[in-house]
């Protein structure tokens, strides 16, 4: 049995952690059942011409192709499947991942070429596949509900060969699965995504294996890495003590509410650039947080971010989301101003996605067509196809979202580049706030026909100078 595992990543520097877990589990289960299985992993990206992938896959002539499907590659896979089926009529085509797991009926109705859609963990899927001789036809209705596998029993995903192949890519790692929070827009809020942590001793051993290969970036994919502050601090302490002088950077998704005095004292001893933290603030408004079941305490979080910036050893990236229930463009502007005042290293405005399988999407679908004052909180329109980005809400028009998109582009080109912060400070003073300044700058760019997506300093500098002098 020749099995090909296919990843289609968002960009070249990304890599697939899920397929390496799957490979290891398939090999282990095949050995258990005395089956002869050869497995290859091929990673592509969405910027490659589809014909290249088709030819490469066909040349390998696998008996089974398994792919991991997400919002960024769903349409790519959808277009690829008919061509693969035409070239490899006997190949068993299997898709898993969140995009198909929560939309299996739609995928199976649209793609007769699919032999099996998998919902659940990769490790659980491997157990069932091997037990049934890798025969997708043994699963009724072409659907597999893979059983839960405790994360503590899942072995380390990487081999020495993997490390060599991933030298120029991000190395993804998880010390826990699931999430303790129940944010209604996130798939990790589902009941089948309970927090499941790997033992601290095991994490330390695995980090040592990773550090020995000196990747340029280790990106923890834990949804809220410091949900257990003591555990998080122990991992940070180990990295600071053992690897502060190395060339590897470590990225964590951190909740500011759980940062403590002990954390700030510890992080002050980290070498500059060793850690980068992504803080998902999303909104500063308590009513919105309550509406999306996020919780939190913005005044405490604001103070934690301020202290983290004062530590000055950690690169701080903060996130906001546009399109959350009940928020107008002025509400989002308030969140912008609050975060800008903290001077994070990077500020990103994302746009709400109505992911199938989330309670937020379910509420939005049930409220569709009923834009009344009492239903405006739940009402939202999303793209029909991935990435399911918000098109309008009860409080945000399409025009509002266009303004926000322009502001986001300018913030990325001016603030996040760290090249024009002094100029935008002057503009914020003139217009009464950071958000207001960027919004006025967007209007200026539109009036003179300036392309706001440009990152060219030689074009941005004179445009900005001319605007400030008017």
Protein backbone atom coordinates (compact mmCIF):
# COMPACT_ATOMS: atom_id res chain seq x y z
CA UNK A 1 0.00 0.00 0.00
CA UNK A 2 1.52 3.28 -1.15
CA UNK A 3 -0.06 6.22 0.71
CA UNK A 4 0.57 9.84 -0.23
CA UNK A 5 -0.16 12.54 2.36
CA UNK A 6 -0.72 15.94 0.75
CA UNK A 7 -0.55 19.36 2.39
CA UNK A 8 -1.41 22.55 0.53
CA UNK A 9 -0.10 25.33 2.76
CA UNK A 10 -0.85 29.05 2.67
CA UNK A 11 2.77 29.86 1.83
CA UNK A 12 6.12 28.18 1.33
CA UNK A 13 7.44 28.86 4.84
CA UNK A 14 4.48 27.03 6.42
CA UNK A 15 4.46 23.29 7.06
CA UNK A 16 1.94 20.65 8.06
CA UNK A 17 2.09 19.33 11.60
CA UNK A 18 -1.12 17.32 11.18
CA UNK A 19 0.23 15.14 8.38
CA UNK A 20 3.30 14.18 10.36
CA UNK A 21 1.12 13.01 13.23
CA UNK A 22 -0.96 11.09 10.70
CA UNK A 23 2.08 9.50 9.05
CA UNK A 24 3.44 8.24 12.36
CA UNK A 25 0.07 6.89 13.45
CA UNK A 26 -0.54 5.12 10.13
CA UNK A 27 2.86 3.45 10.22
CA UNK A 28 2.39 2.35 13.83
CA UNK A 29 -1.07 0.91 13.18
CA UNK A 30 0.06 -0.81 9.98
CA UNK A 31 2.89 -2.54 11.85
CA UNK A 32 0.43 -3.59 14.55
CA UNK A 33 -1.73 -5.29 11.91
CA UNK A 34 1.19 -6.73 9.95
CA UNK A 35 0.46 -4.55 6.92
CA UNK A 36 3.07 -3.38 4.43
CA UNK A 37 2.62 0.37 4.03
CA UNK A 38 4.85 3.01 2.45
CA UNK A 39 4.03 6.63 3.21
CA UNK A 40 5.26 9.83 1.57
CA UNK A 41 4.49 13.43 2.49
CA UNK A 42 4.36 16.13 -0.16
CA UNK A 43 3.88 19.77 0.78
CA UNK A 44 2.75 22.40 -1.70
CA UNK A 45 1.33 25.90 -1.34
CA UNK A 46 -1.68 27.70 -2.74
CA UNK A 47 0.48 29.99 -4.87
CA UNK A 48 1.66 27.13 -7.07
CA UNK A 49 -0.13 26.45 -10.37
CA UNK A 50 -2.60 23.62 -9.87
CA UNK A 51 -1.26 21.78 -12.90
CA UNK A 52 2.10 21.38 -11.10
CA UNK A 53 0.47 19.62 -8.17
CA UNK A 54 -1.63 17.45 -10.48
CA UNK A 55 1.43 16.28 -12.40
CA UNK A 56 3.54 15.71 -9.29
CA UNK A 57 0.82 13.68 -7.58
CA UNK A 58 0.03 11.64 -10.67
CA UNK A 59 3.72 10.82 -11.15
CA UNK A 60 3.85 9.31 -7.65
CA UNK A 61 0.86 7.05 -8.48
CA UNK A 62 -0.31 6.47 -4.89
CA UNK A 63 -2.80 3.77 -3.96
CA UNK A 64 -4.34 6.20 -1.47
CA UNK A 65 -4.16 9.98 -1.26
CA UNK A 66 -4.98 11.69 2.03
CA UNK A 67 -5.24 15.45 2.38
CA UNK A 68 -5.80 17.87 5.25
CA UNK A 69 -8.35 20.52 4.32
CA UNK A 70 -8.63 24.03 5.81
CA UNK A 71 -10.24 27.30 4.78
CA UNK A 72 -7.08 28.47 2.98
CA UNK A 73 -6.82 25.39 0.75
CA UNK A 74 -10.42 24.16 0.46
CA UNK A 75 -11.10 25.66 -2.95
CA UNK A 76 -7.72 24.42 -4.17
CA UNK A 77 -8.51 20.87 -3.09
CA UNK A 78 -11.99 21.17 -4.58
CA UNK A 79 -10.54 22.04 -7.98
CA UNK A 80 -7.77 19.43 -7.71
CA UNK A 81 -9.89 16.37 -6.91
CA UNK A 82 -11.53 15.84 -10.33
CA UNK A 83 -8.17 16.01 -12.10
CA UNK A 84 -6.57 13.54 -9.71
CA UNK A 85 -9.48 11.17 -10.13
CA UNK A 86 -9.20 11.40 -13.91
CA UNK A 87 -5.48 10.60 -13.86
CA UNK A 88 -5.60 8.05 -11.02
CA UNK A 89 -8.97 6.29 -11.33
CA UNK A 90 -8.03 3.54 -8.84
CA UNK A 91 -6.56 5.82 -6.19
CA UNK A 92 -8.55 6.06 -2.94
CA UNK A 93 -9.15 9.74 -2.20
CA UNK A 94 -9.55 10.68 1.47
CA UNK A 95 -9.92 14.15 2.99
CA UNK A 96 -9.87 15.21 6.63
CA UNK A 97 -9.40 18.46 8.49
CA UNK A 98 -11.90 21.02 9.83
CA UNK A 99 -13.13 22.25 6.46
CA UNK A 100 -14.51 18.86 5.46
CA UNK A 101 -15.22 17.55 8.96
CA UNK A 102 -17.92 20.19 9.56
CA UNK A 103 -19.23 20.15 6.01
CA UNK A 104 -19.06 16.48 5.05
CA UNK A 105 -22.49 16.34 3.39
CA UNK A 106 -21.68 19.26 1.11
CA UNK A 107 -18.30 17.86 0.11
CA UNK A 108 -19.67 14.40 -0.62
CA UNK A 109 -22.56 15.83 -2.63
CA UNK A 110 -20.22 18.00 -4.67
CA UNK A 111 -17.37 15.53 -5.11
CA UNK A 112 -18.38 12.05 -6.20
CA UNK A 113 -14.67 11.33 -6.64
CA UNK A 114 -14.15 11.33 -2.85
CA UNK A 115 -13.95 7.88 -1.29
CA UNK A 116 -13.98 9.02 2.32
CA UNK A 117 -14.36 12.11 4.50
CA UNK A 118 -12.82 11.94 7.97
CA UNK A 119 -14.07 13.77 11.04
CA UNK A 120 -11.99 13.62 14.22
CA UNK A 121 -8.34 13.17 15.12
CA UNK A 122 -5.70 11.96 12.66
CA UNK A 123 -4.52 9.36 15.17
CA UNK A 124 -8.03 7.99 15.61
CA UNK A 125 -8.47 7.84 11.83
CA UNK A 126 -5.29 5.80 11.51
CA UNK A 127 -6.60 3.25 14.02
CA UNK A 128 -9.83 2.70 12.08
CA UNK A 129 -8.23 2.70 8.63
CA UNK A 130 -5.62 0.11 9.52
CA UNK A 131 -8.19 -2.07 11.30
CA UNK A 132 -10.26 -2.13 8.10
CA UNK A 133 -7.39 -2.82 5.75
CA UNK A 134 -7.31 0.74 4.40
CA UNK A 135 -10.62 0.16 2.62
CA UNK A 136 -12.68 3.39 2.54
CA UNK A 137 -15.62 1.43 1.17
CA UNK A 138 -16.01 -0.23 4.57
CA UNK A 139 -17.31 3.05 6.04
CA UNK A 140 -21.05 3.67 5.49
CA UNK A 141 -21.96 6.78 3.52
CA UNK A 142 -18.28 7.55 2.88
CA UNK A 143 -17.91 9.16 6.33
CA UNK A 144 -15.61 8.20 9.20
CA UNK A 145 -16.06 9.54 12.72
CA UNK A 146 -12.59 8.97 14.14
CA UNK A 147 -12.40 8.23 17.86
CA UNK A 148 -10.74 10.52 20.38
CA UNK A 149 -7.11 9.72 21.19
CA UNK A 150 -5.62 11.23 24.38
CA UNK A 151 -2.92 13.69 23.45
CA UNK A 152 -0.60 12.30 26.11
CA UNK A 153 -0.43 9.05 24.12
CA UNK A 154 0.47 10.74 20.83
CA UNK A 155 4.21 10.41 20.05
CA UNK A 156 6.53 13.19 18.92
CA UNK A 157 5.64 14.09 15.32
CA UNK A 158 9.05 14.82 13.77
CA UNK A 159 11.85 12.60 12.46
CA UNK A 160 15.44 13.62 11.73
CA UNK A 161 14.56 13.67 8.04
CA UNK A 162 11.68 16.04 8.77
CA UNK A 163 14.01 18.47 10.51
CA UNK A 164 16.30 18.48 7.49
CA UNK A 165 13.40 19.09 5.08
CA UNK A 166 11.97 21.89 7.24
CA UNK A 167 15.17 23.89 7.71
CA UNK A 168 13.77 26.93 5.90
CA UNK A 169 10.20 26.64 7.17
CA UNK A 170 8.30 27.32 10.36
CA UNK A 171 8.41 24.38 12.73
CA UNK A 172 4.98 23.94 14.33
CA UNK A 173 4.66 22.37 17.75
CA UNK A 174 1.81 21.83 20.20
CA UNK A 175 2.05 21.13 23.91
CA UNK A 176 -1.74 20.99 24.23
CA UNK A 177 -4.82 20.52 22.11
CA UNK A 178 -8.21 22.14 22.45
CA UNK A 179 -9.01 25.29 24.38
CA UNK A 180 -10.49 26.16 27.79
CA UNK A 181 -12.46 29.06 26.30
CA UNK A 182 -15.72 29.01 24.40
CA UNK A 183 -15.47 31.91 21.94
CA UNK A 184 -18.44 31.43 19.64
CA UNK A 185 -16.52 32.23 16.42
CA UNK A 186 -13.84 29.59 16.98
CA UNK A 187 -13.91 25.86 16.20
CA UNK A 188 -11.92 25.27 19.38
CA UNK A 189 -15.03 26.30 21.32
CA UNK A 190 -16.80 23.06 20.38
CA UNK A 191 -17.45 20.43 23.04
CA UNK A 192 -15.26 17.99 21.12
CA UNK A 193 -12.28 20.36 21.53
CA UNK A 194 -11.74 20.18 25.29
CA UNK A 195 -8.31 21.22 26.57
CA UNK A 196 -5.95 18.23 26.53
CA UNK A 197 -2.39 18.93 27.74
CA UNK A 198 0.74 16.90 27.25
CA UNK A 199 2.79 16.26 30.41
CA UNK A 200 5.37 18.94 31.20
CA UNK A 201 8.26 16.46 31.31
CA UNK A 202 7.36 15.19 27.85
CA UNK A 203 7.18 18.73 26.49
CA UNK A 204 10.65 19.54 27.82
CA UNK A 205 12.13 16.40 26.26
CA UNK A 206 10.51 17.18 22.90
CA UNK A 207 11.70 20.78 22.98
CA UNK A 208 15.23 19.51 23.50
CA UNK A 209 14.91 17.36 20.39
CA UNK A 210 13.70 20.38 18.44
CA UNK A 211 16.36 22.76 19.77
CA UNK A 212 19.15 20.37 18.73
CA UNK A 213 18.25 21.11 15.10
CA UNK A 214 18.16 24.91 15.57
CA UNK A 215 15.07 25.81 13.50
CA UNK A 216 14.72 29.55 12.91
CA UNK A 217 11.16 29.66 14.35
CA UNK A 218 9.24 27.26 16.59
CA UNK A 219 5.59 28.21 16.46
CA UNK A 220 3.47 26.80 19.29
CA UNK A 221 -0.05 26.21 18.03
CA UNK A 222 -1.64 25.89 21.49
CA UNK A 223 -4.81 27.96 21.38
CA UNK A 224 -4.14 29.68 24.74
CA UNK A 225 -0.66 28.63 25.73
CA UNK A 226 -0.70 30.16 29.21
CA UNK A 227 -4.14 28.94 30.29
CA UNK A 228 -2.15 27.13 33.00
CA UNK A 229 0.26 29.93 34.04
CA UNK A 230 2.54 27.70 36.12
CA UNK A 231 2.98 25.23 33.28
CA UNK A 232 3.63 27.99 30.75
CA UNK A 233 6.15 29.63 33.03
CA UNK A 234 8.03 26.36 33.47
CA UNK A 235 8.38 26.01 29.69
CA UNK A 236 9.50 29.62 29.27
CA UNK A 237 11.99 29.19 32.11
CA UNK A 238 13.46 26.10 30.45
CA UNK A 239 13.88 27.85 27.11
CA UNK A 240 15.45 30.93 28.72
CA UNK A 241 17.85 28.80 30.78
CA UNK A 242 18.86 26.34 28.08
CA UNK A 243 18.44 28.12 24.74
CA UNK A 244 18.62 31.88 25.25
CA UNK A 245 21.85 32.09 23.22
CA UNK A 246 20.58 30.11 20.24
CA UNK A 247 19.29 31.32 16.89
CA UNK A 248 15.76 29.93 17.36
CA UNK A 249 12.76 32.14 18.11
CA UNK A 250 9.65 30.83 19.89
CA UNK A 251 6.13 32.01 19.13
CA UNK A 252 3.22 31.62 21.57
CA UNK A 253 -0.47 32.56 21.57
CA UNK A 254 -0.86 34.10 25.02
CA UNK A 255 -3.87 35.40 26.93
CA UNK A 256 -2.87 38.66 28.68
CA UNK A 257 -5.33 38.04 31.53
CA UNK A 258 -3.18 35.16 32.83
CA UNK A 259 0.15 36.97 32.87
CA UNK A 260 1.39 37.39 36.45
CA UNK A 261 4.12 39.22 38.35
CA UNK A 262 6.22 36.05 38.17
CA UNK A 263 5.86 36.00 34.38
CA UNK A 264 7.01 39.58 33.96
CA UNK A 265 10.01 38.97 36.23
CA UNK A 266 10.95 35.85 34.27
CA UNK A 267 10.48 37.40 30.83
CA UNK A 268 12.67 40.33 31.78
CA UNK A 269 15.56 37.83 31.78
CA UNK A 270 14.84 36.55 28.27
CA UNK A 271 17.22 37.59 25.52
CA UNK A 272 15.77 40.09 23.09
CA UNK A 273 13.95 38.33 20.26
CA UNK A 274 13.81 34.91 21.91
CA UNK A 275 10.03 35.11 22.37
CA UNK A 276 7.22 36.56 20.33
CA UNK A 277 3.74 36.66 21.84
CA UNK A 278 0.47 36.91 19.94
CA UNK A 279 -2.27 38.36 22.14
CA UNK A 280 -5.81 37.90 20.85
CA UNK A 281 -7.59 40.88 22.41
CA UNK A 282 -10.27 40.86 19.63
CA UNK A 283 -12.28 43.67 21.27
CA UNK A 284 -12.08 45.88 24.36
CA UNK A 285 -15.87 45.99 24.81
CA UNK A 286 -17.33 43.88 27.60
CA UNK A 287 -20.77 43.60 25.98
CA UNK A 288 -19.25 42.17 22.81
CA UNK A 289 -17.19 39.70 24.77
CA UNK A 290 -20.28 38.56 26.58
CA UNK A 291 -22.09 38.13 23.26
CA UNK A 292 -19.33 35.86 21.93
CA UNK A 293 -18.81 34.01 25.23
CA UNK A 294 -15.22 35.17 25.43
CA UNK A 295 -15.17 36.74 28.87
CA UNK A 296 -12.06 38.49 30.12
CA UNK A 297 -11.35 41.79 31.82
CA UNK A 298 -10.05 44.48 29.49
CA UNK A 299 -8.70 46.89 32.16
CA UNK A 300 -6.60 44.06 33.64
CA UNK A 301 -5.53 42.90 30.18
CA UNK A 302 -4.56 46.44 29.21
CA UNK A 303 -2.33 46.70 32.26
CA UNK A 304 -0.75 43.33 31.48
CA UNK A 305 0.04 44.39 27.90
CA UNK A 306 1.47 47.68 29.18
CA UNK A 307 3.75 45.80 31.56
CA UNK A 308 4.76 43.37 28.84
CA UNK A 309 5.74 46.26 26.59
CA UNK A 310 7.79 47.72 29.44
CA UNK A 311 9.63 44.41 29.82
CA UNK A 312 10.83 45.10 26.26
CA UNK A 313 12.35 41.66 25.62
CA UNK A 314 9.28 40.12 23.97
CA UNK A 315 7.97 40.97 20.50
CA UNK A 316 4.27 41.72 21.10
CA UNK A 317 1.65 41.16 18.40
CA UNK A 318 -1.96 42.07 19.25
CA UNK A 319 -5.10 41.15 17.31
CA UNK A 320 -8.53 42.72 16.84
CA UNK A 321 -11.50 41.30 14.93
CA UNK A 322 -13.91 43.37 12.84
CA UNK A 323 -17.47 42.11 12.47
CA UNK A 324 -18.12 40.81 15.98
CA UNK A 325 -21.78 40.86 17.08
CA UNK A 326 -23.16 44.28 17.90
CA UNK A 327 -20.03 46.29 17.07
CA UNK A 328 -20.19 49.38 14.87
CA UNK A 329 -17.26 50.98 13.10
CA UNK A 330 -16.96 53.50 15.94
CA UNK A 331 -16.78 50.64 18.47
CA UNK A 332 -13.93 49.10 16.50
CA UNK A 333 -12.25 52.50 16.38
CA UNK A 334 -12.29 52.63 20.18
CA UNK A 335 -10.58 49.24 20.36
CA UNK A 336 -8.00 50.44 17.83
CA UNK A 337 -7.21 53.56 19.84
CA UNK A 338 -6.92 51.63 23.10
CA UNK A 339 -4.43 49.17 21.63
CA UNK A 340 -2.45 51.74 19.65
CA UNK A 341 -1.93 53.69 22.86
CA UNK A 342 -0.06 50.68 24.26
CA UNK A 343 2.46 50.79 21.38
CA UNK A 344 2.56 47.06 20.55
CA UNK A 345 5.18 45.90 18.06
CA UNK A 346 2.48 44.76 15.66
CA UNK A 347 -1.26 45.43 15.48
CA UNK A 348 -3.44 43.35 13.19
CA UNK A 349 -7.10 43.80 12.40
CA UNK A 350 -8.64 40.55 11.24
CA UNK A 351 -12.12 40.14 9.76
CA UNK A 352 -14.63 37.78 11.32
CA UNK A 353 -15.09 34.46 9.59
CA UNK A 354 -18.34 32.54 9.91
CA UNK A 355 -16.82 29.09 10.14
CA UNK A 356 -19.18 26.14 9.65
CA UNK A 357 -19.41 24.21 12.90
CA UNK A 358 -19.30 27.27 15.16
CA UNK A 359 -22.21 28.53 17.22
CA UNK A 360 -21.72 32.04 15.83
CA UNK A 361 -22.30 30.77 12.28
CA UNK A 362 -25.36 28.83 13.41
CA UNK A 363 -26.87 31.97 14.98
CA UNK A 364 -26.07 34.07 11.93
CA UNK A 365 -27.70 31.53 9.61
CA UNK A 366 -30.84 31.41 11.74
CA UNK A 367 -31.08 35.23 11.73
CA UNK A 368 -30.53 35.58 7.97
CA UNK A 369 -33.21 37.65 6.30
CA UNK A 370 -34.46 39.12 9.56
CA UNK A 371 -32.57 42.39 9.99
CA UNK A 372 -34.67 43.84 12.77
CA UNK A 373 -33.41 45.80 15.78
CA UNK A 374 -33.96 42.85 18.11
CA UNK A 375 -32.08 40.46 15.77
CA UNK A 376 -29.28 42.81 14.70
CA UNK A 377 -26.89 41.32 17.26
CA UNK A 378 -26.98 37.89 15.62
CA UNK A 379 -27.39 39.01 12.03
CA UNK A 380 -24.35 38.62 9.77
CA UNK A 381 -23.72 37.71 6.18
CA UNK A 382 -20.64 35.71 5.27
CA UNK A 383 -19.00 34.61 2.05
CA UNK A 384 -20.64 31.45 0.74
CA UNK A 385 -17.23 29.87 0.08
CA UNK A 386 -14.00 29.81 2.08
CA UNK A 387 -12.67 31.88 3.72
CA UNK A 388 -16.26 32.71 4.87
CA UNK A 389 -15.29 36.31 5.65
CA UNK A 390 -17.98 38.66 6.94
CA UNK A 391 -19.80 40.67 4.27
CA UNK A 392 -22.09 42.73 6.51
CA UNK A 393 -23.62 42.69 9.99
CA UNK A 394 -26.47 44.41 11.74
CA UNK A 395 -24.05 47.17 12.77
CA UNK A 396 -21.47 47.12 9.95
CA UNK A 397 -22.28 47.80 6.32
CA UNK A 398 -20.23 46.62 3.38
CA UNK A 399 -18.96 50.20 3.07
CA UNK A 400 -17.88 50.19 6.73
CA UNK A 401 -15.95 46.98 6.16
CA UNK A 402 -14.28 48.55 3.13
CA UNK A 403 -13.14 51.46 5.29
CA UNK A 404 -11.78 49.05 7.88
CA UNK A 405 -9.95 47.07 5.21
CA UNK A 406 -8.27 50.24 4.03
CA UNK A 407 -7.31 51.22 7.58
CA UNK A 408 -5.89 47.75 8.13
CA UNK A 409 -3.72 48.03 5.01
CA UNK A 410 -2.37 51.42 6.08
CA UNK A 411 -1.66 50.29 9.64
CA UNK A 412 0.28 47.35 8.26
CA UNK A 413 2.28 49.48 5.83
CA UNK A 414 2.97 52.39 8.18
CA UNK A 415 2.73 51.27 11.80
CA UNK A 416 3.76 47.62 11.59
CA UNK A 417 6.71 48.47 9.36
CA UNK A 418 7.96 50.76 12.19
CA UNK A 419 8.97 53.30 9.55
CA UNK A 420 6.35 56.03 9.95
CA UNK A 421 5.24 55.89 13.57
CA UNK A 422 6.33 59.43 14.43
CA UNK A 423 4.37 60.84 11.49
CA UNK A 424 1.22 58.95 12.50
CA UNK A 425 1.59 60.15 16.09
CA UNK A 426 1.37 63.70 14.71
CA UNK A 427 -1.67 62.74 12.66
CA UNK A 428 -3.35 61.13 15.69
CA UNK A 429 -2.92 64.37 17.65
CA UNK A 430 -4.38 66.36 14.75
CA UNK A 431 -7.43 64.14 14.19
CA UNK A 432 -8.17 63.17 17.78
CA UNK A 433 -7.12 59.51 17.74
CA UNK A 434 -5.13 56.87 15.88
CA UNK A 435 -8.10 55.25 14.20
CA UNK A 436 -9.43 58.62 13.08
CA UNK A 437 -6.02 59.51 11.62
CA UNK A 438 -5.77 56.30 9.61
CA UNK A 439 -9.34 56.69 8.44
CA UNK A 440 -8.65 60.22 7.21
CA UNK A 441 -5.46 59.04 5.54
CA UNK A 442 -7.45 56.40 3.69
CA UNK A 443 -9.78 59.10 2.36
CA UNK A 444 -6.76 61.12 1.23
CA UNK A 445 -5.28 58.10 -0.58
CA UNK A 446 -8.56 57.49 -2.39
CA UNK A 447 -8.82 61.16 -3.37
CA UNK A 448 -5.35 61.23 -4.97
CA UNK A 449 -5.48 57.70 -6.39
CA UNK A 450 -2.73 56.31 -4.15
CA UNK A 451 -2.49 52.53 -3.85
CA UNK A 452 -2.80 51.90 -0.12
CA UNK A 453 -1.55 48.32 -0.41
CA UNK A 454 1.93 49.47 -1.35
CA UNK A 455 4.79 48.83 1.06
CA UNK A 456 7.29 50.86 -0.97
CA UNK A 457 8.93 53.41 1.32
CA UNK A 458 9.86 55.68 -1.57
CA UNK A 459 6.15 55.98 -2.43
CA UNK A 460 4.77 56.09 1.11
CA UNK A 461 7.10 58.78 2.43
CA UNK A 462 6.21 61.60 -0.01
CA UNK A 463 2.51 60.73 0.11
CA UNK A 464 2.48 60.90 3.89
CA UNK A 465 4.58 64.07 3.99
CA UNK A 466 2.26 65.80 1.55
CA UNK A 467 -0.81 64.81 3.54
CA UNK A 468 0.60 66.05 6.84
CA UNK A 469 1.52 69.40 5.28
CA UNK A 470 -2.00 70.09 4.02
